Amino acid sequence: MTDTPIIMHEQQFQQLRHILNKLRLDSFSRVVFLVDKNGQQIAALGDIADLDTTSLASLAAGNVAATGGMAQLIGEKEFPTLSHEGERDSIHICIIGRMLLVVVFDDRSSLGLVKLRVK
């Protein structure tokens, strides 16, 4: 995993929050997170009041690590995106360098729309 911490200035952090919020609105998502590959939450925007964001960040990083192991077993470096679809809510995870973009969405959106807006 990455040992060097992610450091940013307040202005950069606010720009990041603005971009994540735009993604959330454009994709009709409930929550958008940015997490490092160690599971440390960097930013979270949206309906997070009833969500354990710390656990979700850690589990998303663990999920990426586990599927990364599977990818290597079949000769791939990693799987750049992961999606989990549920009855009510779904999650889309995208690896962006040292970070993970985690999007939680419900039936107001679709996986196709989320993928389109993430690009």
C-alpha atoms as a PDB file:
ATOM      1  CA  MET A   1       0.000   0.000   0.000  1.00  0.00           C
ATOM      2  CA  THR A   2       0.960   3.665  -0.195  1.00  0.00           C
ATOM      3  CA  ASP A   3       3.076   5.013   2.665  1.00  0.00           C
ATOM      4  CA  THR A   4       3.186   8.690   1.676  1.00  0.00           C
ATOM      5  CA  PRO A   5       0.202  10.629   3.063  1.00  0.00           C
ATOM      6  CA  ILE A   6      -1.960  12.682   0.752  1.00  0.00           C
ATOM      7  CA  ILE A   7      -1.513  16.360   1.558  1.00  0.00           C
ATOM      8  CA  MET A   8      -3.485  19.201  -0.006  1.00  0.00           C
ATOM      9  CA  HIS A   9      -4.129  22.865   0.691  1.00  0.00           C
ATOM     10  CA  GLU A  10      -7.563  24.084   1.774  1.00  0.00           C
ATOM     11  CA  GLN A  11      -8.220  25.612  -1.650  1.00  0.00           C
ATOM     12  CA  GLN A  12      -7.405  22.297  -3.358  1.00  0.00           C
ATOM     13  CA  PHE A  13      -9.666  20.462  -0.916  1.00  0.00           C
ATOM     14  CA  GLN A  14     -12.549  22.846  -1.643  1.00  0.00           C
ATOM     15  CA  GLN A  15     -12.028  22.402  -5.406  1.00  0.00           C
ATOM     16  CA  LEU A  16     -12.071  18.641  -4.898  1.00  0.00           C
ATOM     17  CA  ARG A  17     -15.310  18.875  -2.903  1.00  0.00           C
ATOM     18  CA  HIS A  18     -16.847  21.004  -5.663  1.00  0.00           C
ATOM     19  CA  ILE A  19     -15.928  18.424  -8.326  1.00  0.00           C
ATOM     20  CA  LEU A  20     -17.237  15.525  -6.231  1.00  0.00           C
ATOM     21  CA  ASN A  21     -20.486  17.361  -5.537  1.00  0.00           C
ATOM     22  CA  LYS A  22     -20.938  18.083  -9.258  1.00  0.00           C
ATOM     23  CA  LEU A  23     -20.428  14.384  -9.981  1.00  0.00           C
ATOM     24  CA  ARG A  24     -22.971  13.499  -7.304  1.00  0.00           C
ATOM     25  CA  LEU A  25     -25.568  15.870  -8.744  1.00  0.00           C
ATOM     26  CA  ASP A  26     -24.905  14.994 -12.404  1.00  0.00           C
ATOM     27  CA  SER A  27     -25.141  11.247 -11.734  1.00  0.00           C
ATOM     28  CA  PHE A  28     -28.136  11.490  -9.351  1.00  0.00           C
ATOM     29  CA  SER A  29     -26.062   9.616  -6.754  1.00  0.00           C
ATOM     30  CA  ARG A  30     -26.662   9.500  -3.009  1.00  0.00           C
ATOM     31  CA  VAL A  31     -23.025   9.733  -1.921  1.00  0.00           C
ATOM     32  CA  VAL A  32     -19.636  10.276  -3.542  1.00  0.00           C
ATOM     33  CA  PHE A  33     -16.445   9.456  -1.612  1.00  0.00           C
ATOM     34  CA  LEU A  34     -12.783   9.842  -2.310  1.00  0.00           C
ATOM     35  CA  VAL A  35     -10.715   7.305  -0.387  1.00  0.00           C
ATOM     36  CA  ASP A  36      -7.026   6.394  -0.496  1.00  0.00           C
ATOM     37  CA  LYS A  37      -6.038   2.788  -1.155  1.00  0.00           C
ATOM     38  CA  ASN A  38      -5.393   2.299   2.568  1.00  0.00           C
ATOM     39  CA  GLY A  39      -9.047   3.027   3.310  1.00  0.00           C
ATOM     40  CA  GLN A  40      -8.540   6.547   4.645  1.00  0.00           C
ATOM     41  CA  GLN A  41     -11.468   8.781   3.742  1.00  0.00           C
ATOM     42  CA  ILE A  42     -10.387  11.992   2.020  1.00  0.00           C
ATOM     43  CA  ALA A  43     -13.788  13.514   1.223  1.00  0.00           C
ATOM     44  CA  ALA A  44     -17.440  12.490   1.284  1.00  0.00           C
ATOM     45  CA  LEU A  45     -20.379  14.399  -0.140  1.00  0.00           C
ATOM     46  CA  GLY A  46     -24.066  13.672  -0.132  1.00  0.00           C
ATOM     47  CA  ASP A  47     -26.517  11.912   2.137  1.00  0.00           C
ATOM     48  CA  ILE A  48     -24.036  10.586   4.717  1.00  0.00           C
ATOM     49  CA  ALA A  49     -26.057  11.128   7.910  1.00  0.00           C
ATOM     50  CA  ASP A  50     -27.124   7.474   8.209  1.00  0.00           C
ATOM     51  CA  LEU A  51     -23.955   5.972   6.719  1.00  0.00           C
ATOM     52  CA  ASP A  52     -20.862   4.677   8.522  1.00  0.00           C
ATOM     53  CA  THR A  53     -18.424   6.411   6.205  1.00  0.00           C
ATOM     54  CA  THR A  54     -15.323   5.144   8.007  1.00  0.00           C
ATOM     55  CA  SER A  55     -16.354   1.510   7.570  1.00  0.00           C
ATOM     56  CA  LEU A  56     -17.441   2.046   3.984  1.00  0.00           C
ATOM     57  CA  ALA A  57     -14.083   3.630   3.119  1.00  0.00           C
ATOM     58  CA  SER A  58     -12.153   0.751   4.723  1.00  0.00           C
ATOM     59  CA  LEU A  59     -14.311  -1.913   3.109  1.00  0.00           C
ATOM     60  CA  ALA A  60     -14.034  -0.281  -0.321  1.00  0.00           C
ATOM     61  CA  ALA A  61     -10.233  -0.335  -0.041  1.00  0.00           C
ATOM     62  CA  GLY A  62     -10.328  -3.957   1.117  1.00  0.00           C
ATOM     63  CA  ASN A  63     -12.586  -4.854  -1.789  1.00  0.00           C
ATOM     64  CA  VAL A  64     -10.171  -3.284  -4.271  1.00  0.00           C
ATOM     65  CA  ALA A  65      -7.245  -5.114  -2.656  1.00  0.00           C
ATOM     66  CA  ALA A  66      -9.077  -8.453  -2.796  1.00  0.00           C
ATOM     67  CA  THR A  67     -10.147  -8.093  -6.413  1.00  0.00           C
ATOM     68  CA  GLY A  68      -6.640  -6.876  -7.254  1.00  0.00           C
ATOM     69  CA  GLY A  69      -5.378 -10.238  -6.040  1.00  0.00           C
ATOM     70  CA  MET A  70      -7.896 -12.017  -8.263  1.00  0.00           C
ATOM     71  CA  ALA A  71      -6.861  -9.850 -11.214  1.00  0.00           C
ATOM     72  CA  GLN A  72      -3.228 -10.849 -10.766  1.00  0.00           C
ATOM     73  CA  LEU A  73      -4.186 -14.522 -10.666  1.00  0.00           C
ATOM     74  CA  ILE A  74      -5.638 -14.233 -14.154  1.00  0.00           C
ATOM     75  CA  GLY A  75      -2.794 -12.104 -15.509  1.00  0.00           C
ATOM     76  CA  GLU A  76      -4.286  -8.620 -15.100  1.00  0.00           C
ATOM     77  CA  LYS A  77      -2.620  -5.757 -13.227  1.00  0.00           C
ATOM     78  CA  GLU A  78      -5.895  -4.715 -11.570  1.00  0.00           C
ATOM     79  CA  PHE A  79      -9.563  -4.189 -12.317  1.00  0.00           C
ATOM     80  CA  PRO A  80      -9.910  -0.409 -12.755  1.00  0.00           C
ATOM     81  CA  THR A  81     -13.605  -0.403 -11.853  1.00  0.00           C
ATOM     82  CA  LEU A  82     -15.780  -2.494  -9.555  1.00  0.00           C
ATOM     83  CA  SER A  83     -19.554  -2.435  -9.275  1.00  0.00           C
ATOM     84  CA  HIS A  84     -21.931  -4.030  -6.799  1.00  0.00           C
ATOM     85  CA  GLU A  85     -25.652  -3.862  -7.526  1.00  0.00           C
ATOM     86  CA  GLY A  86     -28.191  -4.301  -4.743  1.00  0.00           C
ATOM     87  CA  GLU A  87     -31.975  -4.289  -4.580  1.00  0.00           C
ATOM     88  CA  ARG A  88     -32.132  -0.658  -3.413  1.00  0.00           C
ATOM     89  CA  ASP A  89     -28.613   0.754  -3.457  1.00  0.00           C
ATOM     90  CA  SER A  90     -25.543   0.056  -5.539  1.00  0.00           C
ATOM     91  CA  ILE A  91     -21.863   0.974  -5.386  1.00  0.00           C
ATOM     92  CA  HIS A  92     -19.422   1.809  -8.157  1.00  0.00           C
ATOM     93  CA  ILE A  93     -15.704   2.021  -7.324  1.00  0.00           C
ATOM     94  CA  CYS A  94     -13.149   3.476  -9.717  1.00  0.00           C
ATOM     95  CA  ILE A  95      -9.388   3.353  -9.145  1.00  0.00           C
ATOM     96  CA  ILE A  96      -7.757   6.714  -9.881  1.00  0.00           C
ATOM     97  CA  GLY A  97      -4.026   6.495  -9.222  1.00  0.00           C
ATOM     98  CA  ARG A  98      -3.542   6.247  -5.449  1.00  0.00           C
ATOM     99  CA  MET A  99      -7.190   6.931  -4.746  1.00  0.00           C
ATOM    100  CA  LEU A 100     -10.575   5.305  -5.048  1.00  0.00           C
ATOM    101  CA  LEU A 101     -13.686   7.102  -6.189  1.00  0.00           C
ATOM    102  CA  VAL A 102     -16.693   5.469  -4.522  1.00  0.00           C
ATOM    103  CA  VAL A 103     -20.191   6.312  -5.761  1.00  0.00           C
ATOM    104  CA  VAL A 104     -23.290   5.084  -3.917  1.00  0.00           C
ATOM    105  CA  PHE A 105     -26.511   5.356  -5.915  1.00  0.00           C
ATOM    106  CA  ASP A 106     -30.093   4.140  -5.809  1.00  0.00           C
ATOM    107  CA  ASP A 107     -32.884   3.640  -8.343  1.00  0.00           C
ATOM    108  CA  ARG A 108     -32.924   7.361  -9.218  1.00  0.00           C
ATOM    109  CA  SER A 109     -29.752   6.633 -11.191  1.00  0.00           C
ATOM    110  CA  SER A 110     -28.225   3.721 -13.094  1.00  0.00           C
ATOM    111  CA  LEU A 111     -24.822   2.097 -13.395  1.00  0.00           C
ATOM    112  CA  GLY A 112     -24.582   3.349 -16.973  1.00  0.00           C
ATOM    113  CA  LEU A 113     -25.201   6.962 -15.952  1.00  0.00           C
ATOM    114  CA  VAL A 114     -22.736   6.727 -13.063  1.00  0.00           C
ATOM    115  CA  LYS A 115     -20.037   5.274 -15.338  1.00  0.00           C
ATOM    116  CA  LEU A 116     -20.703   7.982 -17.934  1.00  0.00           C
ATOM    117  CA  ARG A 117     -20.419  10.800 -15.383  1.00  0.00           C
ATOM    118  CA  VAL A 118     -17.330   9.312 -13.700  1.00  0.00           C
ATOM    119  CA  LYS A 119     -15.427   9.418 -17.000  1.00  0.00           C
END
